[in-house]
N, C-alpha and C. Protein backbone atom coordinates (compact mmCIF):
# COMPACT_ATOMS: atom_id res chain seq x y z
N MET A 1 -60.85 20.14 2.71
CA MET A 1 -60.46 18.75 2.73
C MET A 1 -60.74 18.19 3.20
N SER A 2 -61.70 18.27 4.49
CA SER A 2 -62.57 17.39 5.49
C SER A 2 -63.92 16.83 4.64
N LEU A 3 -64.92 17.96 3.82
CA LEU A 3 -65.49 17.37 3.44
C LEU A 3 -65.26 16.32 2.21
N ILE A 4 -63.93 16.37 1.27
CA ILE A 4 -63.55 15.31 0.34
C ILE A 4 -63.83 13.96 0.75
N VAL A 5 -62.86 14.32 2.51
CA VAL A 5 -62.73 12.74 2.80
C VAL A 5 -64.54 12.35 2.87
N VAL A 6 -64.93 13.37 3.44
CA VAL A 6 -66.38 13.10 4.32
C VAL A 6 -67.31 11.75 2.85
N ASN A 7 -66.80 13.08 1.70
CA ASN A 7 -67.56 12.80 0.72
C ASN A 7 -66.78 11.65 -0.13
N LEU A 8 -65.79 11.20 0.62
CA LEU A 8 -64.77 9.58 -0.10
C LEU A 8 -65.72 8.73 0.73
N ALA A 9 -65.64 8.32 2.23
CA ALA A 9 -65.88 8.12 3.01
C ALA A 9 -67.62 7.68 2.34
N THR A 10 -68.99 8.55 1.83
CA THR A 10 -70.02 8.08 2.14
C THR A 10 -69.71 7.36 -0.05
N SER A 11 -69.00 7.80 -0.36
CA SER A 11 -68.50 6.41 -1.35
C SER A 11 -68.23 5.65 -1.45
N VAL A 12 -67.35 4.91 -0.71
CA VAL A 12 -66.77 3.14 -0.11
C VAL A 12 -68.33 3.59 0.59
N GLN A 13 -68.85 3.72 1.58
CA GLN A 13 -70.28 3.06 2.31
C GLN A 13 -71.00 3.04 0.74
N TYR A 14 -71.08 3.55 0.22
CA TYR A 14 -72.22 3.21 -1.25
C TYR A 14 -71.60 2.05 -1.95
N VAL A 15 -70.18 2.14 -2.43
CA VAL A 15 -69.86 1.09 -3.31
C VAL A 15 -70.00 -0.26 -2.17
N LEU A 16 -69.48 -0.52 -0.87
CA LEU A 16 -69.08 -1.86 -0.08
C LEU A 16 -70.79 -2.23 -0.19
N ARG A 17 -71.63 -1.43 0.22
CA ARG A 17 -73.26 -1.56 0.10
C ARG A 17 -73.85 -2.58 -1.26
N VAL A 18 -74.04 -2.15 -2.12
CA VAL A 18 -73.41 -2.14 -3.27
C VAL A 18 -73.23 -3.84 -3.59
N PHE A 19 -71.48 -4.50 -2.78
CA PHE A 19 -71.62 -5.17 -2.80
C PHE A 19 -71.48 -6.31 -2.30
N TYR A 20 -72.21 -5.75 -0.72
CA TYR A 20 -73.33 -6.29 -0.18
C TYR A 20 -74.28 -7.21 -0.46
N ILE A 21 -75.05 -6.35 -1.06
CA ILE A 21 -76.58 -6.85 -1.91
C ILE A 21 -76.07 -7.93 -3.16
N LEU A 22 -74.87 -7.54 -4.08
CA LEU A 22 -74.31 -8.30 -5.22
C LEU A 22 -74.48 -10.11 -4.26
N LEU A 23 -73.48 -9.68 -3.24
CA LEU A 23 -73.18 -11.72 -2.46
C LEU A 23 -74.23 -11.98 -2.00
N LEU A 24 -75.65 -11.09 -1.63
CA LEU A 24 -76.81 -11.67 -1.20
C LEU A 24 -77.40 -12.21 -2.55
N ALA A 25 -77.02 -11.46 -3.83
CA ALA A 25 -78.21 -12.01 -4.87
C ALA A 25 -77.03 -13.21 -5.17
N ALA A 26 -76.14 -13.28 -5.15
CA ALA A 26 -75.31 -14.81 -5.34
C ALA A 26 -76.15 -15.95 -4.70
N VAL A 27 -76.42 -15.43 -3.09
CA VAL A 27 -76.81 -16.96 -2.49
C VAL A 27 -77.58 -16.89 -3.37
N VAL A 28 -78.61 -15.72 -3.23
CA VAL A 28 -79.95 -16.50 -3.39
C VAL A 28 -80.07 -17.63 -4.87
N ALA A 29 -79.54 -17.32 -5.54
CA ALA A 29 -79.01 -17.30 -7.26
C ALA A 29 -78.79 -19.18 -6.85
N SER A 30 -78.15 -19.25 -6.07
CA SER A 30 -77.19 -20.67 -5.73
C SER A 30 -78.44 -21.11 -5.83
N PHE A 31 -79.60 -20.72 -4.88
CA PHE A 31 -80.37 -21.70 -4.01
C PHE A 31 -81.63 -21.94 -5.28
N PHE A 32 -81.86 -21.18 -6.30
CA PHE A 32 -82.59 -20.40 -6.71
C PHE A 32 -81.73 -20.70 -8.35
N PRO A 33 -81.09 -22.44 -9.19
CA PRO A 33 -80.25 -21.47 -10.14
C PRO A 33 -81.77 -21.58 -11.66
N PRO A 34 -81.12 -20.47 -12.31
CA PRO A 34 -82.19 -20.18 -14.18
C PRO A 34 -82.01 -22.03 -14.31
N THR A 35 -83.66 -22.03 -14.50
CA THR A 35 -83.13 -22.69 -15.64
C THR A 35 -83.71 -22.56 -17.10
N ARG A 36 -84.13 -21.38 -17.22
CA ARG A 36 -84.17 -21.41 -18.93
C ARG A 36 -83.71 -20.29 -19.44
N ALA A 37 -83.56 -19.03 -20.37
CA ALA A 37 -82.93 -18.40 -20.36
C ALA A 37 -84.84 -17.05 -20.29
N GLY A 38 -84.29 -16.28 -19.58
CA GLY A 38 -84.69 -14.69 -19.33
C GLY A 38 -84.07 -14.17 -18.35
N TRP A 39 -84.44 -12.58 -17.63
CA TRP A 39 -84.09 -11.88 -17.11
C TRP A 39 -83.40 -12.72 -15.42
N TRP A 40 -83.49 -13.76 -15.36
CA TRP A 40 -83.44 -14.52 -14.09
C TRP A 40 -81.62 -15.05 -13.65
N GLU A 41 -81.95 -15.81 -15.67
CA GLU A 41 -79.98 -16.62 -15.93
C GLU A 41 -79.28 -14.85 -16.05
N VAL A 42 -80.43 -14.19 -16.60
CA VAL A 42 -79.47 -12.79 -16.94
C VAL A 42 -78.28 -12.10 -15.72
N THR A 43 -79.18 -12.04 -14.66
CA THR A 43 -78.80 -10.99 -13.27
C THR A 43 -77.94 -12.13 -12.88
N ALA A 44 -78.18 -13.53 -12.81
CA ALA A 44 -77.46 -15.22 -12.06
C ALA A 44 -76.19 -14.40 -12.53
N ARG A 45 -76.13 -14.05 -14.15
CA ARG A 45 -74.89 -14.41 -14.47
C ARG A 45 -73.96 -12.32 -13.85
N PHE A 46 -75.29 -11.87 -14.36
CA PHE A 46 -74.23 -11.03 -14.08
C PHE A 46 -73.31 -10.52 -12.38
N VAL A 47 -74.57 -11.22 -11.62
CA VAL A 47 -73.94 -11.55 -10.22
C VAL A 47 -73.21 -12.36 -9.82
N GLY A 48 -73.42 -13.35 -10.25
CA GLY A 48 -72.00 -14.71 -10.28
C GLY A 48 -70.52 -13.48 -10.85
N ARG A 49 -70.73 -12.65 -12.47
CA ARG A 49 -69.69 -12.01 -12.91
C ARG A 49 -68.80 -11.78 -11.92
N MET A 50 -69.69 -10.63 -11.58
CA MET A 50 -69.35 -8.75 -9.71
C MET A 50 -68.47 -9.89 -8.55
N THR A 51 -69.30 -10.82 -8.37
CA THR A 51 -68.58 -12.26 -6.87
C THR A 51 -68.03 -12.77 -7.30
N GLU A 52 -67.44 -13.47 -8.38
CA GLU A 52 -66.80 -14.47 -8.65
C GLU A 52 -65.31 -14.38 -8.47
N PRO A 53 -64.48 -12.91 -8.63
CA PRO A 53 -62.94 -12.40 -7.70
C PRO A 53 -63.22 -12.59 -6.34
N VAL A 54 -64.16 -12.26 -5.78
CA VAL A 54 -63.65 -12.68 -4.13
C VAL A 54 -63.75 -13.64 -3.48
N LEU A 55 -64.65 -14.57 -4.08
CA LEU A 55 -65.65 -15.84 -3.26
C LEU A 55 -64.44 -16.47 -3.58
N ALA A 56 -64.02 -16.38 -5.20
CA ALA A 56 -62.99 -17.95 -5.88
C ALA A 56 -62.03 -18.13 -4.35
N PRO A 57 -61.17 -17.00 -4.76
CA PRO A 57 -59.87 -17.13 -3.76
C PRO A 57 -60.14 -17.60 -2.19
N ILE A 58 -61.53 -17.34 -1.43
CA ILE A 58 -62.13 -17.73 -0.40
C ILE A 58 -62.36 -18.91 -0.48
N ARG A 59 -63.40 -19.71 -2.09
CA ARG A 59 -63.28 -20.80 -1.76
C ARG A 59 -62.21 -21.53 -2.10
N SER A 60 -61.32 -21.17 -2.02
CA SER A 60 -59.98 -22.57 -2.13
C SER A 60 -59.70 -22.54 -1.42
N LYS A 61 -59.66 -21.65 -0.47
CA LYS A 61 -58.89 -22.10 0.53
C LYS A 61 -59.44 -22.46 1.66
N MET A 62 -60.56 -22.12 1.61
CA MET A 62 -62.15 -22.87 2.42
C MET A 62 -62.66 -24.54 2.72
N PRO A 63 -62.74 -25.21 4.03
CA PRO A 63 -63.11 -26.75 3.09
C PRO A 63 -64.99 -26.52 3.16
N VAL A 64 -65.83 -27.44 2.22
CA VAL A 64 -66.94 -27.91 2.78
C VAL A 64 -67.41 -28.45 3.80
N PHE A 65 -68.43 -27.36 4.43
CA PHE A 65 -69.08 -27.98 5.33
C PHE A 65 -70.48 -28.43 4.87
N GLY A 66 -70.54 -29.50 5.06
CA GLY A 66 -71.94 -30.50 4.85
C GLY A 66 -72.16 -29.95 3.56
N GLY A 67 -71.23 -30.41 2.16
CA GLY A 67 -71.81 -29.82 1.07
C GLY A 67 -72.67 -28.42 0.65
N MET A 68 -72.37 -27.44 1.99
CA MET A 68 -72.53 -25.95 2.56
C MET A 68 -71.72 -25.43 1.15
N ASP A 69 -71.22 -23.69 0.89
CA ASP A 69 -70.36 -22.94 0.53
C ASP A 69 -70.04 -22.44 1.67
N LEU A 70 -69.47 -21.52 2.20
CA LEU A 70 -69.86 -21.11 2.96
C LEU A 70 -68.25 -19.36 2.77
N SER A 71 -68.04 -19.75 1.77
CA SER A 71 -67.89 -18.19 1.42
C SER A 71 -67.93 -17.27 1.00
N PRO A 72 -69.69 -17.15 1.11
CA PRO A 72 -70.66 -15.79 1.09
C PRO A 72 -70.58 -15.74 1.91
N LEU A 73 -70.66 -16.02 3.04
CA LEU A 73 -70.95 -15.75 4.28
C LEU A 73 -69.08 -15.64 5.04
N VAL A 74 -68.21 -15.86 4.89
CA VAL A 74 -67.12 -15.10 4.65
C VAL A 74 -67.05 -13.69 4.15
N ALA A 75 -67.44 -14.01 2.55
CA ALA A 75 -66.33 -12.95 2.27
C ALA A 75 -68.23 -11.99 2.63
N LEU A 76 -69.48 -11.76 3.33
CA LEU A 76 -70.07 -10.51 3.86
C LEU A 76 -69.80 -10.43 4.93
N LEU A 77 -69.26 -10.72 5.85
CA LEU A 77 -68.29 -10.61 7.46
C LEU A 77 -67.02 -9.97 6.62
N GLY A 78 -66.36 -10.47 6.00
CA GLY A 78 -65.44 -9.02 5.20
C GLY A 78 -65.60 -8.00 4.95
N VAL A 79 -66.96 -8.01 3.65
CA VAL A 79 -67.28 -6.58 3.69
C VAL A 79 -68.13 -5.71 4.75
N TYR A 80 -68.13 -5.87 5.57
CA TYR A 80 -68.95 -5.93 6.61
C TYR A 80 -67.88 -4.88 7.02
N LEU A 81 -67.35 -5.57 8.06
CA LEU A 81 -65.41 -5.17 8.36
C LEU A 81 -64.63 -4.26 7.72
N ALA A 82 -64.65 -4.24 6.17
CA ALA A 82 -64.19 -3.62 5.70
C ALA A 82 -64.60 -2.04 5.89
N GLY A 83 -66.16 -2.07 5.23
CA GLY A 83 -67.35 -1.28 5.71
C GLY A 83 -66.61 -0.16 7.50
N LEU A 84 -66.79 -1.22 8.00
CA LEU A 84 -66.69 -0.46 9.42
C LEU A 84 -65.15 -0.23 9.61
N VAL A 85 -64.26 0.02 9.42
CA VAL A 85 -62.80 -0.13 9.62
C VAL A 85 -62.73 1.25 8.85
N VAL A 86 -62.44 1.10 7.12
CA VAL A 86 -62.66 1.92 5.94
C VAL A 86 -63.24 3.51 6.41
N VAL A 87 -64.43 3.10 5.98
CA VAL A 87 -65.43 4.16 6.71
C VAL A 87 -65.48 4.73 7.50
N GLN A 88 -64.64 4.65 9.12
CA GLN A 88 -64.70 5.04 10.62
C GLN A 88 -63.55 5.55 10.67
N GLY A 89 -62.48 4.93 9.66
CA GLY A 89 -61.56 5.32 9.98
C GLY A 89 -61.09 6.99 9.06
N LEU A 90 -62.41 6.83 7.78
CA LEU A 90 -62.25 8.00 7.23
C LEU A 90 -62.82 8.84 7.89
N LEU A 91 -63.56 8.81 8.19
CA LEU A 91 -64.81 10.23 9.31
C LEU A 91 -63.78 10.40 10.33
N ALA A 92 -63.23 9.70 10.81
CA ALA A 92 -62.39 9.85 12.12
C ALA A 92 -61.08 10.99 11.26
N LEU A 93 -60.43 10.77 9.74
CA LEU A 93 -59.58 11.44 10.00
C LEU A 93 -60.54 13.05 9.37
N SER A 94 -61.32 12.94 8.50
CA SER A 94 -61.70 13.50 8.47
C SER A 94 -62.58 14.89 9.83
N ARG A 95 -62.62 14.47 10.65
CA ARG A 95 -62.00 15.46 11.90
C ARG A 95 -61.63 15.81 12.57
N VAL A 96 -59.85 15.19 12.56
CA VAL A 96 -59.11 15.51 12.66
C VAL A 96 -58.25 16.30 11.11
N VAL A 97 -58.59 16.97 9.74
CA VAL A 97 -57.63 17.17 9.39
C VAL A 97 -58.94 18.76 9.67
């Protein structure tokens, strides 16, 4: 049972890391929008589709500061904190079981 919980914690950590990287890619894509069809446009569209379900609710509740969208920063912080709480909680649970 303990090994299952450790594997679950590792899987959750990997998923959160991938989403963290997608959020960083969304920030980069917002600074360098695609100008023509190509690999960057496909990448930016994919990243947008993956991150927008998380960013849209945050964006709707946050004011814009000086024309900057800070919703990716809040999402990055949320993913980081979720990783700390969930992964450390699962690892603590695996030590108890």
